[in-house]
């Protein structure tokens, strides 16, 4: 019988990872998404909880692109459009 080590995200108990670093990155992304969702709810109170969560996750998953855009490279946001077209 083989033994396999898997890691579980502490914020997403249904996801399993083969690599601890990947599980940690996923947890950090979800933590950022939660914080972003809270900020978005404060900025736009009419935003539903589900919409805020979806936006927070989207922004957290694409944080590198948003970081470039916030650092005077607004054209970096065009990368997000290309991803949507590919889907």
PDB file of N, CA and C in Angstrom:
ATOM      1  N   UNK A   1       0.850  -1.164   0.000  1.00  0.00           N
ATOM      2  CA  UNK A   1       0.000   0.000   0.000  1.00  0.00           C
ATOM      3  C   UNK A   1       0.905   1.240   0.000  1.00  0.00           C
ATOM      4  N   UNK A   2       0.614   2.151  -0.889  1.00  0.00           N
ATOM      5  CA  UNK A   2       1.384   3.384  -0.995  1.00  0.00           C
ATOM      6  C   UNK A   2       0.776   4.468  -0.111  1.00  0.00           C
ATOM      7  N   UNK A   3       1.642   5.288   0.413  1.00  0.00           N
ATOM      8  CA  UNK A   3       1.203   6.414   1.230  1.00  0.00           C
ATOM      9  C   UNK A   3       1.423   7.682   0.413  1.00  0.00           C
ATOM     10  N   UNK A   4       0.405   8.502   0.376  1.00  0.00           N
ATOM     11  CA  UNK A   4       0.476   9.749  -0.376  1.00  0.00           C
ATOM     12  C   UNK A   4       0.217  10.907   0.571  1.00  0.00           C
ATOM     13  N   UNK A   5       1.102  11.871   0.547  1.00  0.00           N
ATOM     14  CA  UNK A   5       0.947  13.050   1.402  1.00  0.00           C
ATOM     15  C   UNK A   5       0.197  14.109   0.600  1.00  0.00           C
ATOM     16  N   UNK A   6      -0.878  14.621   1.184  1.00  0.00           N
ATOM     17  CA  UNK A   6      -1.631  15.710   0.559  1.00  0.00           C
ATOM     18  C   UNK A   6      -1.803  16.816   1.589  1.00  0.00           C
ATOM     19  N   UNK A   7      -1.999  18.008   1.086  1.00  0.00           N
ATOM     20  CA  UNK A   7      -2.183  19.178   1.944  1.00  0.00           C
ATOM     21  C   UNK A   7      -3.558  19.761   1.670  1.00  0.00           C
ATOM     22  N   UNK A   8      -4.196  20.183   2.720  1.00  0.00           N
ATOM     23  CA  UNK A   8      -5.528  20.767   2.624  1.00  0.00           C
ATOM     24  C   UNK A   8      -5.430  22.251   2.936  1.00  0.00           C
ATOM     25  N   UNK A   9      -6.115  23.022   2.148  1.00  0.00           N
ATOM     26  CA  UNK A   9      -6.189  24.455   2.391  1.00  0.00           C
ATOM     27  C   UNK A   9      -6.989  24.688   3.662  1.00  0.00           C
ATOM     28  N   UNK A  10      -6.498  25.554   4.535  1.00  0.00           N
ATOM     29  CA  UNK A  10      -7.232  25.819   5.775  1.00  0.00           C
ATOM     30  C   UNK A  10      -8.456  26.704   5.542  1.00  0.00           C
ATOM     31  N   UNK A  11      -8.522  27.384   4.402  1.00  0.00           N
ATOM     32  CA  UNK A  11      -9.659  28.250   4.096  1.00  0.00           C
ATOM     33  C   UNK A  11     -10.612  27.619   3.081  1.00  0.00           C
ATOM     34  N   UNK A  12     -10.175  26.551   2.438  1.00  0.00           N
ATOM     35  CA  UNK A  12     -10.986  25.871   1.420  1.00  0.00           C
ATOM     36  C   UNK A  12     -10.806  24.374   1.667  1.00  0.00           C
ATOM     37  N   UNK A  13     -11.565  23.838   2.596  1.00  0.00           N
ATOM     38  CA  UNK A  13     -11.352  22.476   3.084  1.00  0.00           C
ATOM     39  C   UNK A  13     -11.579  21.394   2.031  1.00  0.00           C
ATOM     40  N   UNK A  14     -12.249  21.721   0.950  1.00  0.00           N
ATOM     41  CA  UNK A  14     -12.519  20.720  -0.080  1.00  0.00           C
ATOM     42  C   UNK A  14     -11.361  20.555  -1.059  1.00  0.00           C
ATOM     43  N   UNK A  15     -10.473  21.550  -1.134  1.00  0.00           N
ATOM     44  CA  UNK A  15      -9.340  21.480  -2.059  1.00  0.00           C
ATOM     45  C   UNK A  15      -8.152  20.796  -1.412  1.00  0.00           C
ATOM     46  N   UNK A  16      -7.562  19.888  -2.138  1.00  0.00           N
ATOM     47  CA  UNK A  16      -6.362  19.198  -1.685  1.00  0.00           C
ATOM     48  C   UNK A  16      -5.218  19.543  -2.628  1.00  0.00           C
ATOM     49  N   UNK A  17      -4.027  19.599  -2.077  1.00  0.00           N
ATOM     50  CA  UNK A  17      -2.845  19.953  -2.850  1.00  0.00           C
ATOM     51  C   UNK A  17      -1.751  18.928  -2.597  1.00  0.00           C
ATOM     52  N   UNK A  18      -0.941  18.695  -3.593  1.00  0.00           N
ATOM     53  CA  UNK A  18       0.172  17.767  -3.469  1.00  0.00           C
ATOM     54  C   UNK A  18       1.416  18.470  -2.920  1.00  0.00           C
ATOM     55  N   UNK A  19       1.374  19.782  -2.910  1.00  0.00           N
ATOM     56  CA  UNK A  19       2.530  20.584  -2.518  1.00  0.00           C
ATOM     57  C   UNK A  19       2.112  21.583  -1.437  1.00  0.00           C
ATOM     58  N   UNK A  20       2.855  21.625  -0.339  1.00  0.00           N
ATOM     59  CA  UNK A  20       2.520  22.533   0.754  1.00  0.00           C
ATOM     60  C   UNK A  20       2.572  23.993   0.316  1.00  0.00           C
ATOM     61  N   UNK A  21       3.574  24.333  -0.502  1.00  0.00           N
ATOM     62  CA  UNK A  21       3.711  25.721  -0.958  1.00  0.00           C
ATOM     63  C   UNK A  21       2.492  26.136  -1.783  1.00  0.00           C
ATOM     64  N   UNK A  22       1.979  25.229  -2.585  1.00  0.00           N
ATOM     65  CA  UNK A  22       0.786  25.537  -3.387  1.00  0.00           C
ATOM     66  C   UNK A  22      -0.429  25.749  -2.486  1.00  0.00           C
ATOM     67  N   UNK A  23      -0.563  24.928  -1.460  1.00  0.00           N
ATOM     68  CA  UNK A  23      -1.667  25.099  -0.503  1.00  0.00           C
ATOM     69  C   UNK A  23      -1.549  26.427   0.220  1.00  0.00           C
ATOM     70  N   UNK A  24      -0.329  26.798   0.595  1.00  0.00           N
ATOM     71  CA  UNK A  24      -0.108  28.094   1.263  1.00  0.00           C
ATOM     72  C   UNK A  24      -0.446  29.256   0.343  1.00  0.00           C
ATOM     73  N   UNK A  25      -0.051  29.166  -0.925  1.00  0.00           N
ATOM     74  CA  UNK A  25      -0.382  30.238  -1.891  1.00  0.00           C
ATOM     75  C   UNK A  25      -1.894  30.368  -2.052  1.00  0.00           C
ATOM     76  N   UNK A  26      -2.577  29.242  -2.090  1.00  0.00           N
ATOM     77  CA  UNK A  26      -4.038  29.265  -2.232  1.00  0.00           C
ATOM     78  C   UNK A  26      -4.676  29.928  -1.011  1.00  0.00           C
ATOM     79  N   UNK A  27      -4.200  29.585   0.179  1.00  0.00           N
ATOM     80  CA  UNK A  27      -4.722  30.204   1.404  1.00  0.00           C
ATOM     81  C   UNK A  27      -4.491  31.715   1.403  1.00  0.00           C
ATOM     82  N   UNK A  28      -3.301  32.136   0.990  1.00  0.00           N
ATOM     83  CA  UNK A  28      -3.009  33.569   0.953  1.00  0.00           C
ATOM     84  C   UNK A  28      -3.876  34.280  -0.065  1.00  0.00           C
ATOM     85  N   UNK A  29      -4.135  33.633  -1.206  1.00  0.00           N
ATOM     86  CA  UNK A  29      -5.008  34.227  -2.218  1.00  0.00           C
ATOM     87  C   UNK A  29      -6.417  34.386  -1.656  1.00  0.00           C
ATOM     88  N   UNK A  30      -6.904  33.367  -0.960  1.00  0.00           N
ATOM     89  CA  UNK A  30      -8.251  33.448  -0.379  1.00  0.00           C
ATOM     90  C   UNK A  30      -8.324  34.493   0.734  1.00  0.00           C
ATOM     91  N   UNK A  31      -7.258  34.637   1.492  1.00  0.00           N
ATOM     92  CA  UNK A  31      -7.224  35.673   2.532  1.00  0.00           C
ATOM     93  C   UNK A  31      -7.290  37.060   1.902  1.00  0.00           C
ATOM     94  N   UNK A  32      -6.507  37.278   0.850  1.00  0.00           N
ATOM     95  CA  UNK A  32      -6.546  38.556   0.139  1.00  0.00           C
ATOM     96  C   UNK A  32      -7.937  38.785  -0.451  1.00  0.00           C
ATOM     97  N   UNK A  33      -8.527  37.750  -1.032  1.00  0.00           N
ATOM     98  CA  UNK A  33      -9.862  37.874  -1.615  1.00  0.00           C
ATOM     99  C   UNK A  33     -10.887  38.292  -0.564  1.00  0.00           C
ATOM    100  N   UNK A  34     -10.778  37.731   0.620  1.00  0.00           N
ATOM    101  CA  UNK A  34     -11.707  38.078   1.706  1.00  0.00           C
ATOM    102  C   UNK A  34     -11.555  39.546   2.104  1.00  0.00           C
ATOM    103  N   UNK A  35     -10.316  40.006   2.211  1.00  0.00           N
ATOM    104  CA  UNK A  35     -10.075  41.408   2.559  1.00  0.00           C
ATOM    105  C   UNK A  35     -10.565  42.340   1.456  1.00  0.00           C
ATOM    106  N   UNK A  36     -10.299  41.977   0.208  1.00  0.00           N
ATOM    107  CA  UNK A  36     -10.781  42.788  -0.916  1.00  0.00           C
ATOM    108  C   UNK A  36     -12.302  42.847  -0.923  1.00  0.00           C
ATOM    109  N   UNK A  37     -12.943  41.732  -0.663  1.00  0.00           N
ATOM    110  CA  UNK A  37     -14.402  41.689  -0.630  1.00  0.00           C
ATOM    111  C   UNK A  37     -14.951  42.657   0.416  1.00  0.00           C
ATOM    112  N   UNK A  38     -14.318  42.683   1.581  1.00  0.00           N
ATOM    113  CA  UNK A  38     -14.750  43.611   2.634  1.00  0.00           C
ATOM    114  C   UNK A  38     -14.604  45.062   2.219  1.00  0.00           C
ATOM    115  N   UNK A  39     -13.486  45.373   1.576  1.00  0.00           N
ATOM    116  CA  UNK A  39     -13.254  46.743   1.104  1.00  0.00           C
ATOM    117  C   UNK A  39     -14.276  47.114   0.039  1.00  0.00           C
ATOM    118  N   UNK A  40     -14.555  46.196  -0.876  1.00  0.00           N
ATOM    119  CA  UNK A  40     -15.525  46.464  -1.942  1.00  0.00           C
ATOM    120  C   UNK A  40     -16.925  46.690  -1.369  1.00  0.00           C
ATOM    121  N   UNK A  41     -17.290  45.926  -0.342  1.00  0.00           N
ATOM    122  CA  UNK A  41     -18.602  46.112   0.302  1.00  0.00           C
ATOM    123  C   UNK A  41     -18.707  47.483   0.954  1.00  0.00           C
ATOM    124  N   UNK A  42     -17.625  47.953   1.535  1.00  0.00           N
ATOM    125  CA  UNK A  42     -17.636  49.281   2.157  1.00  0.00           C
ATOM    126  C   UNK A  42     -17.731  50.370   1.095  1.00  0.00           C
ATOM    127  N   UNK A  43     -17.041  50.171  -0.025  1.00  0.00           N
ATOM    128  CA  UNK A  43     -17.032  51.177  -1.090  1.00  0.00           C
ATOM    129  C   UNK A  43     -18.346  51.196  -1.855  1.00  0.00           C
ATOM    130  N   UNK A  44     -18.952  50.020  -2.034  1.00  0.00           N
ATOM    131  CA  UNK A  44     -20.194  49.912  -2.806  1.00  0.00           C
ATOM    132  C   UNK A  44     -21.188  49.081  -1.984  1.00  0.00           C
ATOM    133  N   UNK A  45     -21.917  49.719  -1.067  1.00  0.00           N
ATOM    134  CA  UNK A  45     -22.819  48.988  -0.183  1.00  0.00           C
ATOM    135  C   UNK A  45     -23.912  48.203  -0.918  1.00  0.00           C
ATOM    136  N   UNK A  46     -24.266  48.618  -2.121  1.00  0.00           N
ATOM    137  CA  UNK A  46     -25.320  47.913  -2.851  1.00  0.00           C
ATOM    138  C   UNK A  46     -24.827  46.610  -3.486  1.00  0.00           C
ATOM    139  N   UNK A  47     -23.543  46.358  -3.421  1.00  0.00           N
ATOM    140  CA  UNK A  47     -22.954  45.136  -3.967  1.00  0.00           C
ATOM    141  C   UNK A  47     -23.421  43.952  -3.125  1.00  0.00           C
ATOM    142  N   UNK A  48     -23.908  42.912  -3.789  1.00  0.00           N
ATOM    143  CA  UNK A  48     -24.341  41.739  -3.029  1.00  0.00           C
ATOM    144  C   UNK A  48     -23.116  41.031  -2.450  1.00  0.00           C
ATOM    145  N   UNK A  49     -23.356  40.231  -1.440  1.00  0.00           N
ATOM    146  CA  UNK A  49     -22.255  39.501  -0.809  1.00  0.00           C
ATOM    147  C   UNK A  49     -21.581  38.570  -1.825  1.00  0.00           C
ATOM    148  N   UNK A  50     -22.386  37.905  -2.630  1.00  0.00           N
ATOM    149  CA  UNK A  50     -21.843  36.984  -3.645  1.00  0.00           C
ATOM    150  C   UNK A  50     -20.999  37.734  -4.678  1.00  0.00           C
ATOM    151  N   UNK A  51     -21.487  38.876  -5.138  1.00  0.00           N
ATOM    152  CA  UNK A  51     -20.730  39.669  -6.102  1.00  0.00           C
ATOM    153  C   UNK A  51     -19.412  40.153  -5.496  1.00  0.00           C
ATOM    154  N   UNK A  52     -19.460  40.595  -4.254  1.00  0.00           N
ATOM    155  CA  UNK A  52     -18.253  41.047  -3.572  1.00  0.00           C
ATOM    156  C   UNK A  52     -17.229  39.927  -3.446  1.00  0.00           C
ATOM    157  N   UNK A  53     -17.701  38.724  -3.109  1.00  0.00           N
ATOM    158  CA  UNK A  53     -16.799  37.581  -2.995  1.00  0.00           C
ATOM    159  C   UNK A  53     -16.188  37.227  -4.349  1.00  0.00           C
ATOM    160  N   UNK A  54     -17.011  37.210  -5.393  1.00  0.00           N
ATOM    161  CA  UNK A  54     -16.521  36.885  -6.731  1.00  0.00           C
ATOM    162  C   UNK A  54     -15.494  37.911  -7.205  1.00  0.00           C
ATOM    163  N   UNK A  55     -15.781  39.181  -6.975  1.00  0.00           N
ATOM    164  CA  UNK A  55     -14.832  40.234  -7.351  1.00  0.00           C
ATOM    165  C   UNK A  55     -13.538  40.131  -6.558  1.00  0.00           C
ATOM    166  N   UNK A  56     -13.655  39.863  -5.277  1.00  0.00           N
ATOM    167  CA  UNK A  56     -12.472  39.721  -4.440  1.00  0.00           C
ATOM    168  C   UNK A  56     -11.583  38.581  -4.902  1.00  0.00           C
ATOM    169  N   UNK A  57     -12.180  37.443  -5.226  1.00  0.00           N
ATOM    170  CA  UNK A  57     -11.416  36.293  -5.711  1.00  0.00           C
ATOM    171  C   UNK A  57     -10.788  36.606  -7.062  1.00  0.00           C
ATOM    172  N   UNK A  58     -11.542  37.243  -7.934  1.00  0.00           N
ATOM    173  CA  UNK A  58     -11.019  37.606  -9.258  1.00  0.00           C
ATOM    174  C   UNK A  58      -9.808  38.529  -9.132  1.00  0.00           C
ATOM    175  N   UNK A  59      -9.930  39.528  -8.286  1.00  0.00           N
ATOM    176  CA  UNK A  59      -8.829  40.474  -8.112  1.00  0.00           C
ATOM    177  C   UNK A  59      -7.627  39.802  -7.448  1.00  0.00           C
ATOM    178  N   UNK A  60      -7.871  38.928  -6.477  1.00  0.00           N
ATOM    179  CA  UNK A  60      -6.777  38.248  -5.793  1.00  0.00           C
ATOM    180  C   UNK A  60      -6.050  37.291  -6.741  1.00  0.00           C
ATOM    181  N   UNK A  61      -6.806  36.584  -7.581  1.00  0.00           N
ATOM    182  CA  UNK A  61      -6.183  35.666  -8.543  1.00  0.00           C
ATOM    183  C   UNK A  61      -5.342  36.416  -9.568  1.00  0.00           C
ATOM    184  N   UNK A  62      -5.723  37.633  -9.858  1.00  0.00           N
ATOM    185  CA  UNK A  62      -5.031  38.442 -10.861  1.00  0.00           C
ATOM    186  C   UNK A  62      -4.270  39.592 -10.225  1.00  0.00           C
ATOM    187  N   UNK A  63      -3.822  39.408  -9.001  1.00  0.00           N
ATOM    188  CA  UNK A  63      -3.195  40.503  -8.255  1.00  0.00           C
ATOM    189  C   UNK A  63      -1.957  41.045  -8.934  1.00  0.00           C
ATOM    190  N   UNK A  64      -1.191  40.204  -9.624  1.00  0.00           N
ATOM    191  CA  UNK A  64       0.016  40.697 -10.295  1.00  0.00           C
ATOM    192  C   UNK A  64      -0.337  41.696 -11.391  1.00  0.00           C
ATOM    193  N   UNK A  65      -1.395  41.408 -12.126  1.00  0.00           N
ATOM    194  CA  UNK A  65      -1.835  42.307 -13.198  1.00  0.00           C
ATOM    195  C   UNK A  65      -2.353  43.614 -12.602  1.00  0.00           C
ATOM    196  N   UNK A  66      -3.166  43.520 -11.554  1.00  0.00           N
ATOM    197  CA  UNK A  66      -3.678  44.734 -10.905  1.00  0.00           C
ATOM    198  C   UNK A  66      -2.533  45.541 -10.294  1.00  0.00           C
ATOM    199  N   UNK A  67      -1.527  44.864  -9.733  1.00  0.00           N
ATOM    200  CA  UNK A  67      -0.381  45.576  -9.154  1.00  0.00           C
ATOM    201  C   UNK A  67       0.357  46.375 -10.224  1.00  0.00           C
ATOM    202  N   UNK A  68       0.546  45.772 -11.399  1.00  0.00           N
ATOM    203  CA  UNK A  68       1.189  46.498 -12.504  1.00  0.00           C
ATOM    204  C   UNK A  68       0.361  47.719 -12.889  1.00  0.00           C
ATOM    205  N   UNK A  69      -0.941  47.534 -12.974  1.00  0.00           N
ATOM    206  CA  UNK A  69      -1.822  48.637 -13.363  1.00  0.00           C
ATOM    207  C   UNK A  69      -1.765  49.769 -12.345  1.00  0.00           C
ATOM    208  N   UNK A  70      -1.703  49.436 -11.071  1.00  0.00           N
ATOM    209  CA  UNK A  70      -1.644  50.451 -10.030  1.00  0.00           C
ATOM    210  C   UNK A  70      -0.279  51.124  -9.963  1.00  0.00           C
ATOM    211  N   UNK A  71       0.719  50.507 -10.584  1.00  0.00           N
ATOM    212  CA  UNK A  71       2.065  51.094 -10.613  1.00  0.00           C
ATOM    213  C   UNK A  71       2.318  51.777 -11.956  1.00  0.00           C
ATOM    214  N   UNK A  72       1.338  52.530 -12.397  1.00  0.00           N
ATOM    215  CA  UNK A  72       1.450  53.339 -13.618  1.00  0.00           C
ATOM    216  C   UNK A  72       1.630  52.528 -14.893  1.00  0.00           C
ATOM    217  N   UNK A  73       1.069  51.334 -14.944  1.00  0.00           N
ATOM    218  CA  UNK A  73       1.049  50.538 -16.164  1.00  0.00           C
ATOM    219  C   UNK A  73      -0.389  50.095 -16.440  1.00  0.00           C
ATOM    220  N   UNK A  74      -1.285  51.044 -16.667  1.00  0.00           N
ATOM    221  CA  UNK A  74      -2.692  50.680 -16.826  1.00  0.00           C
ATOM    222  C   UNK A  74      -2.952  49.724 -17.988  1.00  0.00           C
ATOM    223  N   UNK A  75      -2.062  49.707 -18.975  1.00  0.00           N
ATOM    224  CA  UNK A  75      -2.242  48.793 -20.099  1.00  0.00           C
ATOM    225  C   UNK A  75      -2.157  47.327 -19.672  1.00  0.00           C
ATOM    226  N   UNK A  76      -1.612  47.063 -18.502  1.00  0.00           N
ATOM    227  CA  UNK A  76      -1.528  45.691 -17.998  1.00  0.00           C
ATOM    228  C   UNK A  76      -2.916  45.072 -17.865  1.00  0.00           C
ATOM    229  N   UNK A  77      -3.926  45.912 -17.649  1.00  0.00           N
ATOM    230  CA  UNK A  77      -5.294  45.394 -17.520  1.00  0.00           C
ATOM    231  C   UNK A  77      -5.798  44.753 -18.810  1.00  0.00           C
ATOM    232  N   UNK A  78      -5.161  45.073 -19.925  1.00  0.00           N
ATOM    233  CA  UNK A  78      -5.543  44.439 -21.191  1.00  0.00           C
ATOM    234  C   UNK A  78      -5.318  42.935 -21.154  1.00  0.00           C
ATOM    235  N   UNK A  79      -4.390  42.477 -20.313  1.00  0.00           N
ATOM    236  CA  UNK A  79      -4.141  41.053 -20.163  1.00  0.00           C
ATOM    237  C   UNK A  79      -5.390  40.341 -19.633  1.00  0.00           C
ATOM    238  N   UNK A  80      -6.149  41.018 -18.792  1.00  0.00           N
ATOM    239  CA  UNK A  80      -7.380  40.425 -18.251  1.00  0.00           C
ATOM    240  C   UNK A  80      -8.400  40.200 -19.352  1.00  0.00           C
ATOM    241  N   UNK A  81      -8.496  41.113 -20.281  1.00  0.00           N
ATOM    242  CA  UNK A  81      -9.422  40.973 -21.403  1.00  0.00           C
ATOM    243  C   UNK A  81      -9.068  39.793 -22.271  1.00  0.00           C
ATOM    244  N   UNK A  82      -7.776  39.558 -22.456  1.00  0.00           N
ATOM    245  CA  UNK A  82      -7.319  38.432 -23.291  1.00  0.00           C
ATOM    246  C   UNK A  82      -7.686  37.104 -22.645  1.00  0.00           C
ATOM    247  N   UNK A  83      -7.599  37.028 -21.322  1.00  0.00           N
ATOM    248  CA  UNK A  83      -7.975  35.797 -20.620  1.00  0.00           C
ATOM    249  C   UNK A  83      -9.444  35.496 -20.808  1.00  0.00           C
ATOM    250  N   UNK A  84     -10.286  36.504 -20.698  1.00  0.00           N
ATOM    251  CA  UNK A  84     -11.732  36.314 -20.860  1.00  0.00           C
ATOM    252  C   UNK A  84     -12.058  35.844 -22.263  1.00  0.00           C
ATOM    253  N   UNK A  85     -11.371  36.385 -23.271  1.00  0.00           N
ATOM    254  CA  UNK A  85     -11.617  35.979 -24.643  1.00  0.00           C
ATOM    255  C   UNK A  85     -11.202  34.535 -24.885  1.00  0.00           C
ATOM    256  N   UNK A  86     -10.134  34.092 -24.217  1.00  0.00           N
ATOM    257  CA  UNK A  86      -9.645  32.733 -24.378  1.00  0.00           C
ATOM    258  C   UNK A  86     -10.606  31.716 -23.784  1.00  0.00           C
ATOM    259  N   UNK A  87     -11.343  32.118 -22.742  1.00  0.00           N
ATOM    260  CA  UNK A  87     -12.303  31.207 -22.097  1.00  0.00           C
ATOM    261  C   UNK A  87     -13.500  31.069 -22.981  1.00  0.00           C
TER     262      UNK A  87
END
